[in-house]
N, C-alpha and C. Protein backbone atom coordinates (compact mmCIF):
# COMPACT_ATOMS: atom_id res chain seq x y z
N MET A 1 144.35 58.19 96.48
CA MET A 1 143.46 59.06 95.79
C MET A 1 142.30 58.22 94.94
N THR A 2 141.26 58.65 94.69
CA THR A 2 140.26 57.98 94.03
C THR A 2 140.38 58.41 92.45
N ARG A 3 139.54 57.73 91.58
CA ARG A 3 139.63 57.84 90.13
C ARG A 3 138.84 59.27 89.91
N GLU A 4 137.91 59.68 90.83
CA GLU A 4 137.12 60.76 90.57
C GLU A 4 137.61 62.04 91.55
N SER A 5 137.39 63.04 91.20
CA SER A 5 137.54 64.22 92.14
C SER A 5 136.52 65.17 91.84
N ASP A 6 136.26 66.28 92.48
CA ASP A 6 135.31 67.18 92.34
C ASP A 6 135.34 67.80 90.78
N ALA A 7 136.57 67.90 90.14
CA ALA A 7 136.78 68.38 88.92
C ALA A 7 137.16 67.60 87.90
N LEU A 8 137.86 66.36 88.07
CA LEU A 8 138.17 65.52 86.95
C LEU A 8 137.82 64.03 87.15
N ASP A 9 137.72 63.35 86.06
CA ASP A 9 137.29 61.87 85.90
C ASP A 9 138.69 61.41 85.33
N LEU A 10 139.45 60.71 86.19
CA LEU A 10 140.82 60.19 85.72
C LEU A 10 140.67 58.77 85.36
N GLU A 11 141.66 58.44 84.44
CA GLU A 11 141.66 56.99 83.89
C GLU A 11 142.15 56.10 85.01
N GLN A 12 141.66 54.97 85.09
CA GLN A 12 142.16 53.98 86.07
C GLN A 12 143.85 53.68 86.02
N GLY A 13 144.22 54.03 87.28
CA GLY A 13 145.77 53.73 87.59
C GLY A 13 146.69 54.66 86.64
N VAL A 14 146.07 55.95 86.21
CA VAL A 14 147.03 56.87 85.62
C VAL A 14 148.34 57.09 86.32
N PHE A 15 148.21 57.27 87.41
CA PHE A 15 149.45 57.69 88.34
C PHE A 15 150.43 56.44 88.35
N THR A 16 150.02 55.24 88.06
CA THR A 16 150.96 54.25 88.17
C THR A 16 151.65 53.71 86.85
N TRP A 17 151.19 54.48 85.72
CA TRP A 17 151.79 54.33 84.23
C TRP A 17 153.35 54.63 84.33
N LYS A 18 153.97 54.01 83.34
CA LYS A 18 155.45 54.22 83.22
C LYS A 18 155.78 55.21 82.27
N ASP A 19 154.93 55.69 81.52
CA ASP A 19 155.18 56.67 80.35
C ASP A 19 154.78 57.98 80.72
N PRO A 20 155.64 58.94 80.99
CA PRO A 20 155.24 60.23 81.49
C PRO A 20 154.34 61.16 80.57
N ARG A 21 154.59 60.92 79.18
CA ARG A 21 153.89 61.65 78.11
C ARG A 21 152.50 60.96 78.07
N LYS A 22 152.39 59.62 78.47
CA LYS A 22 150.95 59.12 78.27
C LYS A 22 150.10 59.57 79.54
N ILE A 23 150.86 59.70 80.70
CA ILE A 23 150.20 60.31 82.05
C ILE A 23 149.66 61.69 81.70
N ALA A 24 150.59 62.56 81.26
CA ALA A 24 150.38 63.82 80.88
C ALA A 24 149.11 63.99 79.90
N GLN A 25 149.07 63.19 79.00
CA GLN A 25 147.94 63.30 77.89
C GLN A 25 146.69 62.86 78.46
N SER A 26 146.74 61.91 79.22
CA SER A 26 145.44 61.57 80.00
C SER A 26 144.96 62.44 80.97
N LEU A 27 145.95 63.28 81.72
CA LEU A 27 145.55 64.24 82.61
C LEU A 27 144.92 65.58 81.74
N LYS A 28 145.44 65.82 80.60
CA LYS A 28 145.15 66.83 79.88
C LYS A 28 143.62 66.57 79.28
N ASN A 29 143.55 65.41 78.75
CA ASN A 29 142.26 64.89 78.23
C ASN A 29 141.23 65.05 79.23
N SER A 30 141.39 64.68 80.44
CA SER A 30 140.56 64.70 81.64
C SER A 30 140.24 66.01 81.74
N ALA A 31 141.18 66.97 82.04
CA ALA A 31 141.07 68.43 82.20
C ALA A 31 140.25 69.13 81.11
N ASP A 32 140.52 68.75 79.96
CA ASP A 32 140.02 69.53 78.91
C ASP A 32 138.43 69.22 78.53
N THR A 33 138.08 67.93 78.91
CA THR A 33 136.79 67.67 78.87
C THR A 33 135.80 67.73 80.07
N SER A 34 136.41 68.09 81.13
CA SER A 34 135.70 68.25 82.37
C SER A 34 134.79 69.38 82.28
N SER A 35 133.36 69.20 82.77
CA SER A 35 132.54 70.22 82.86
C SER A 35 132.41 70.80 84.29
N ARG A 36 133.09 70.03 85.35
CA ARG A 36 132.95 70.47 86.59
C ARG A 36 134.00 71.19 87.23
N ARG A 37 135.23 71.34 86.50
CA ARG A 37 136.42 72.03 86.93
C ARG A 37 136.06 73.42 87.19
N LYS A 38 136.79 74.15 88.07
CA LYS A 38 136.63 75.55 88.47
C LYS A 38 137.75 76.32 87.99
N THR A 39 138.91 75.88 87.60
CA THR A 39 140.05 76.47 87.24
C THR A 39 140.27 76.09 85.81
N PRO A 40 141.22 76.95 85.00
CA PRO A 40 141.70 76.49 83.67
C PRO A 40 142.00 75.02 83.64
N PRO A 41 142.02 74.28 82.44
CA PRO A 41 142.35 72.97 82.37
C PRO A 41 143.81 72.62 82.73
N PHE A 42 144.81 73.53 82.37
CA PHE A 42 146.08 73.26 82.85
C PHE A 42 146.20 73.22 84.29
N ARG A 43 145.76 74.21 84.88
CA ARG A 43 145.87 74.34 86.30
C ARG A 43 145.18 73.20 86.92
N SER A 44 144.17 72.76 86.55
CA SER A 44 143.43 71.50 87.05
C SER A 44 144.12 70.19 86.82
N ALA A 45 144.81 70.02 85.84
CA ALA A 45 145.44 68.97 85.51
C ALA A 45 146.77 68.82 86.35
N MET A 46 147.55 69.92 86.53
CA MET A 46 148.68 70.05 87.21
C MET A 46 148.51 69.88 88.70
N PHE A 47 147.39 70.40 89.06
CA PHE A 47 146.95 70.20 90.45
C PHE A 47 146.74 68.79 90.94
N MET A 48 146.15 68.04 90.05
CA MET A 48 145.76 66.58 90.34
C MET A 48 147.13 65.85 90.45
N LEU A 49 148.06 66.12 89.49
CA LEU A 49 149.30 65.51 89.47
C LEU A 49 150.15 65.87 90.80
N VAL A 50 150.32 67.04 91.05
CA VAL A 50 151.07 67.59 92.27
C VAL A 50 150.34 67.04 93.46
N PHE A 51 149.04 66.97 93.48
CA PHE A 51 148.32 66.50 94.81
C PHE A 51 148.73 65.18 94.94
N TYR A 52 148.58 64.23 93.78
CA TYR A 52 148.94 62.80 94.11
C TYR A 52 150.36 62.73 94.42
N ILE A 53 151.21 63.35 93.85
CA ILE A 53 152.67 63.29 94.30
C ILE A 53 152.75 63.51 95.75
N ASN A 54 152.31 64.72 96.27
CA ASN A 54 152.37 64.96 97.73
C ASN A 54 151.69 64.13 98.57
N ARG A 55 150.38 63.67 98.28
CA ARG A 55 149.54 62.75 99.01
C ARG A 55 150.39 61.37 99.11
N ALA A 56 150.84 60.87 98.19
CA ALA A 56 151.60 59.50 98.30
C ALA A 56 152.99 59.59 99.12
N GLY A 57 153.50 60.89 98.97
CA GLY A 57 154.70 60.99 100.01
C GLY A 57 155.74 59.88 99.91
N SER A 58 156.04 59.49 101.03
CA SER A 58 157.41 58.63 101.14
C SER A 58 156.94 57.18 100.55
N LYS A 59 155.63 57.05 100.49
CA LYS A 59 155.05 55.56 99.99
C LYS A 59 155.25 55.55 98.56
N LEU A 60 155.65 56.61 97.79
CA LEU A 60 155.71 56.56 96.38
C LEU A 60 157.10 56.05 95.99
N ASP A 61 157.15 55.09 95.18
CA ASP A 61 158.36 54.51 94.53
C ASP A 61 159.22 55.68 94.03
N THR A 62 160.59 55.48 94.17
CA THR A 62 161.32 56.43 93.60
C THR A 62 161.41 56.60 92.10
N ASP A 63 161.29 55.51 91.62
CA ASP A 63 161.22 55.51 90.05
C ASP A 63 159.93 56.04 89.54
N GLN A 64 158.85 55.62 90.30
CA GLN A 64 157.32 56.27 89.94
C GLN A 64 157.51 57.88 90.11
N LYS A 65 158.07 58.16 91.20
CA LYS A 65 158.01 59.70 91.52
C LYS A 65 158.93 60.52 90.25
N ARG A 66 160.01 59.82 89.88
CA ARG A 66 160.57 60.35 88.80
C ARG A 66 159.72 60.43 87.54
N ILE A 67 159.02 59.54 87.26
CA ILE A 67 158.28 59.35 85.94
C ILE A 67 157.15 60.47 86.33
N LEU A 68 156.76 60.58 87.40
CA LEU A 68 155.60 61.66 87.78
C LEU A 68 156.03 63.07 87.56
N GLU A 69 157.35 63.32 88.14
CA GLU A 69 157.94 64.49 87.78
C GLU A 69 158.04 64.94 86.42
N GLN A 70 158.49 63.85 85.50
CA GLN A 70 158.80 64.07 84.26
C GLN A 70 157.29 64.15 83.54
N ALA A 71 156.31 63.90 84.01
CA ALA A 71 154.83 63.97 83.68
C ALA A 71 154.62 65.47 83.67
N LYS A 72 154.99 65.90 84.77
CA LYS A 72 154.76 67.46 84.99
C LYS A 72 155.27 68.22 83.74
N ASP A 73 156.53 67.92 83.45
CA ASP A 73 157.24 68.74 82.48
C ASP A 73 156.48 68.40 81.03
N GLU A 74 156.04 67.23 80.93
CA GLU A 74 155.31 66.86 79.55
C GLU A 74 153.89 67.62 79.60
N LEU A 75 153.20 67.84 80.68
CA LEU A 75 152.11 68.51 80.86
C LEU A 75 152.33 69.84 80.52
N ARG A 76 153.36 70.43 80.86
CA ARG A 76 153.69 71.90 80.58
C ARG A 76 153.84 72.14 78.96
N LYS A 77 154.54 71.06 78.45
CA LYS A 77 154.81 71.01 77.02
C LYS A 77 153.50 70.92 76.22
N LEU A 78 152.60 69.99 76.66
CA LEU A 78 151.17 69.84 76.05
C LEU A 78 150.48 71.10 76.07
N TYR A 79 150.62 71.87 77.09
CA TYR A 79 149.80 73.23 77.23
C TYR A 79 150.46 74.39 76.86
N GLY A 80 151.80 74.11 76.23
CA GLY A 80 152.57 75.23 75.78
C GLY A 80 153.24 76.13 76.87
N LYS A 81 153.35 75.66 78.07
CA LYS A 81 153.73 76.36 79.00
C LYS A 81 155.23 76.30 79.48
N GLY A 82 155.86 75.74 78.58
CA GLY A 82 157.37 75.72 78.91
C GLY A 82 157.98 74.82 77.93
């Protein structure tokens, strides 16, 4: 996946970071400041995270997949969704 999508500009290497809260905060910042997204910020940020997890598939390291799954929970917390 590239650093840019039609909706969000992502920080370099965001999906390789080891801190789920930092990943979630970065995605939130990108979604909140994007002027190109077509859905609400939470939905855009979560979509990018889920898309990356699904796209990486079996190539994704088990530990990193766990971190990214935790980032989904952190993202929900940041947006007050859970």
